[in-house]
């Protein structure tokens, strides 16, 4: 079993107030949880990304916009992942 490191990120400009996730030694995402935001959609993102490659996920999510804010919870997750990597 590979070791996992936990990360916490405070998103900016979105409804969610915190993003928590783990990365294993291979750069895979686990235990992704958002605090606040659109509960159902953000839970779905967590389920979709469980065990997925973090860098690839960040590339897909980067630049996603919500309500013309110039960012979104998904975009903020991308920033959190890149910071963690």
C-alpha atoms as a PDB file:
ATOM      1  CA  UNK A   1       0.000   0.000   0.000  1.00  0.00           C
ATOM      2  CA  UNK A   2       1.445   3.364  -0.968  1.00  0.00           C
ATOM      3  CA  UNK A   3       1.797   6.218   1.477  1.00  0.00           C
ATOM      4  CA  UNK A   4      -0.654   9.134   1.157  1.00  0.00           C
ATOM      5  CA  UNK A   5      -0.063  12.756   2.045  1.00  0.00           C
ATOM      6  CA  UNK A   6      -2.980  15.022   3.001  1.00  0.00           C
ATOM      7  CA  UNK A   7      -3.488  18.494   1.576  1.00  0.00           C
ATOM      8  CA  UNK A   8      -5.853  21.313   2.457  1.00  0.00           C
ATOM      9  CA  UNK A   9      -6.514  24.345   0.261  1.00  0.00           C
ATOM     10  CA  UNK A  10      -8.552  27.524   0.794  1.00  0.00           C
ATOM     11  CA  UNK A  11     -10.224  28.352  -2.532  1.00  0.00           C
ATOM     12  CA  UNK A  12     -10.733  31.951  -3.616  1.00  0.00           C
ATOM     13  CA  UNK A  13     -13.696  33.511  -5.437  1.00  0.00           C
ATOM     14  CA  UNK A  14     -16.030  30.504  -5.111  1.00  0.00           C
ATOM     15  CA  UNK A  15     -18.727  29.189  -2.786  1.00  0.00           C
ATOM     16  CA  UNK A  16     -16.660  26.365  -1.311  1.00  0.00           C
ATOM     17  CA  UNK A  17     -14.447  27.379   1.596  1.00  0.00           C
ATOM     18  CA  UNK A  18     -12.046  24.443   1.802  1.00  0.00           C
ATOM     19  CA  UNK A  19     -10.746  21.593  -0.352  1.00  0.00           C
ATOM     20  CA  UNK A  20      -9.147  18.546   1.284  1.00  0.00           C
ATOM     21  CA  UNK A  21      -7.577  15.612  -0.529  1.00  0.00           C
ATOM     22  CA  UNK A  22      -4.835  13.017  -0.333  1.00  0.00           C
ATOM     23  CA  UNK A  23      -2.160  12.259  -2.909  1.00  0.00           C
ATOM     24  CA  UNK A  24      -0.272   8.995  -2.964  1.00  0.00           C
ATOM     25  CA  UNK A  25       3.333   8.516  -4.054  1.00  0.00           C
ATOM     26  CA  UNK A  26       2.199   7.901  -7.646  1.00  0.00           C
ATOM     27  CA  UNK A  27       0.288  11.196  -7.826  1.00  0.00           C
ATOM     28  CA  UNK A  28      -3.193   9.673  -7.546  1.00  0.00           C
ATOM     29  CA  UNK A  29      -6.056  11.534  -5.821  1.00  0.00           C
ATOM     30  CA  UNK A  30      -7.963  10.066  -2.874  1.00  0.00           C
ATOM     31  CA  UNK A  31     -10.502  11.262  -0.280  1.00  0.00           C
ATOM     32  CA  UNK A  32     -11.380  14.509  -2.088  1.00  0.00           C
ATOM     33  CA  UNK A  33     -13.820  16.610  -0.072  1.00  0.00           C
ATOM     34  CA  UNK A  34     -15.109  20.146  -0.513  1.00  0.00           C
ATOM     35  CA  UNK A  35     -16.519  22.227   2.337  1.00  0.00           C
ATOM     36  CA  UNK A  36     -19.383  24.397   1.122  1.00  0.00           C
ATOM     37  CA  UNK A  37     -20.328  24.889  -2.499  1.00  0.00           C
ATOM     38  CA  UNK A  38     -22.751  22.828  -4.584  1.00  0.00           C
ATOM     39  CA  UNK A  39     -22.838  19.687  -2.467  1.00  0.00           C
ATOM     40  CA  UNK A  40     -24.069  17.165  -5.045  1.00  0.00           C
ATOM     41  CA  UNK A  41     -21.813  18.343  -7.863  1.00  0.00           C
ATOM     42  CA  UNK A  42     -18.732  18.534  -5.661  1.00  0.00           C
ATOM     43  CA  UNK A  43     -19.352  15.062  -4.222  1.00  0.00           C
ATOM     44  CA  UNK A  44     -19.607  13.807  -7.807  1.00  0.00           C
ATOM     45  CA  UNK A  45     -16.232  15.366  -8.675  1.00  0.00           C
ATOM     46  CA  UNK A  46     -14.725  13.584  -5.674  1.00  0.00           C
ATOM     47  CA  UNK A  47     -16.160  10.246  -6.775  1.00  0.00           C
ATOM     48  CA  UNK A  48     -15.053  10.716 -10.375  1.00  0.00           C
ATOM     49  CA  UNK A  49     -11.492  11.612  -9.391  1.00  0.00           C
ATOM     50  CA  UNK A  50     -10.959   8.908  -6.736  1.00  0.00           C
ATOM     51  CA  UNK A  51      -7.777   7.042  -7.706  1.00  0.00           C
ATOM     52  CA  UNK A  52      -7.197   9.176 -10.808  1.00  0.00           C
ATOM     53  CA  UNK A  53      -3.960  10.848 -11.889  1.00  0.00           C
ATOM     54  CA  UNK A  54      -3.782  14.244 -10.188  1.00  0.00           C
ATOM     55  CA  UNK A  55      -1.858  16.058 -12.923  1.00  0.00           C
ATOM     56  CA  UNK A  56      -4.265  14.883 -15.610  1.00  0.00           C
ATOM     57  CA  UNK A  57      -7.258  15.897 -13.464  1.00  0.00           C
ATOM     58  CA  UNK A  58      -5.768  19.358 -12.885  1.00  0.00           C
ATOM     59  CA  UNK A  59      -5.227  19.834 -16.625  1.00  0.00           C
ATOM     60  CA  UNK A  60      -8.852  18.920 -17.383  1.00  0.00           C
ATOM     61  CA  UNK A  61     -10.338  21.140 -14.635  1.00  0.00           C
ATOM     62  CA  UNK A  62      -8.131  24.217 -15.150  1.00  0.00           C
ATOM     63  CA  UNK A  63      -9.991  27.237 -16.465  1.00  0.00           C
ATOM     64  CA  UNK A  64     -13.486  25.924 -15.743  1.00  0.00           C
ATOM     65  CA  UNK A  65     -15.688  28.960 -15.046  1.00  0.00           C
ATOM     66  CA  UNK A  66     -18.774  29.347 -12.832  1.00  0.00           C
ATOM     67  CA  UNK A  67     -21.146  32.293 -13.240  1.00  0.00           C
ATOM     68  CA  UNK A  68     -18.537  34.443 -15.033  1.00  0.00           C
ATOM     69  CA  UNK A  69     -16.355  34.570 -11.906  1.00  0.00           C
ATOM     70  CA  UNK A  70     -13.230  33.660 -13.848  1.00  0.00           C
ATOM     71  CA  UNK A  71     -12.911  30.545 -11.706  1.00  0.00           C
ATOM     72  CA  UNK A  72     -14.977  27.720 -10.214  1.00  0.00           C
ATOM     73  CA  UNK A  73     -14.640  25.090  -7.508  1.00  0.00           C
ATOM     74  CA  UNK A  74     -13.213  22.743 -10.166  1.00  0.00           C
ATOM     75  CA  UNK A  75     -10.720  25.403 -11.302  1.00  0.00           C
ATOM     76  CA  UNK A  76      -9.730  26.024  -7.678  1.00  0.00           C
ATOM     77  CA  UNK A  77      -9.232  22.268  -7.247  1.00  0.00           C
ATOM     78  CA  UNK A  78      -6.900  22.378 -10.248  1.00  0.00           C
ATOM     79  CA  UNK A  79      -4.877  25.110  -8.531  1.00  0.00           C
ATOM     80  CA  UNK A  80      -4.835  23.125  -5.273  1.00  0.00           C
ATOM     81  CA  UNK A  81      -3.570  20.004  -7.045  1.00  0.00           C
ATOM     82  CA  UNK A  82      -0.841  21.861  -8.933  1.00  0.00           C
ATOM     83  CA  UNK A  83       0.285  23.507  -5.693  1.00  0.00           C
ATOM     84  CA  UNK A  84       0.404  20.098  -3.994  1.00  0.00           C
ATOM     85  CA  UNK A  85       2.355  18.530  -6.851  1.00  0.00           C
END
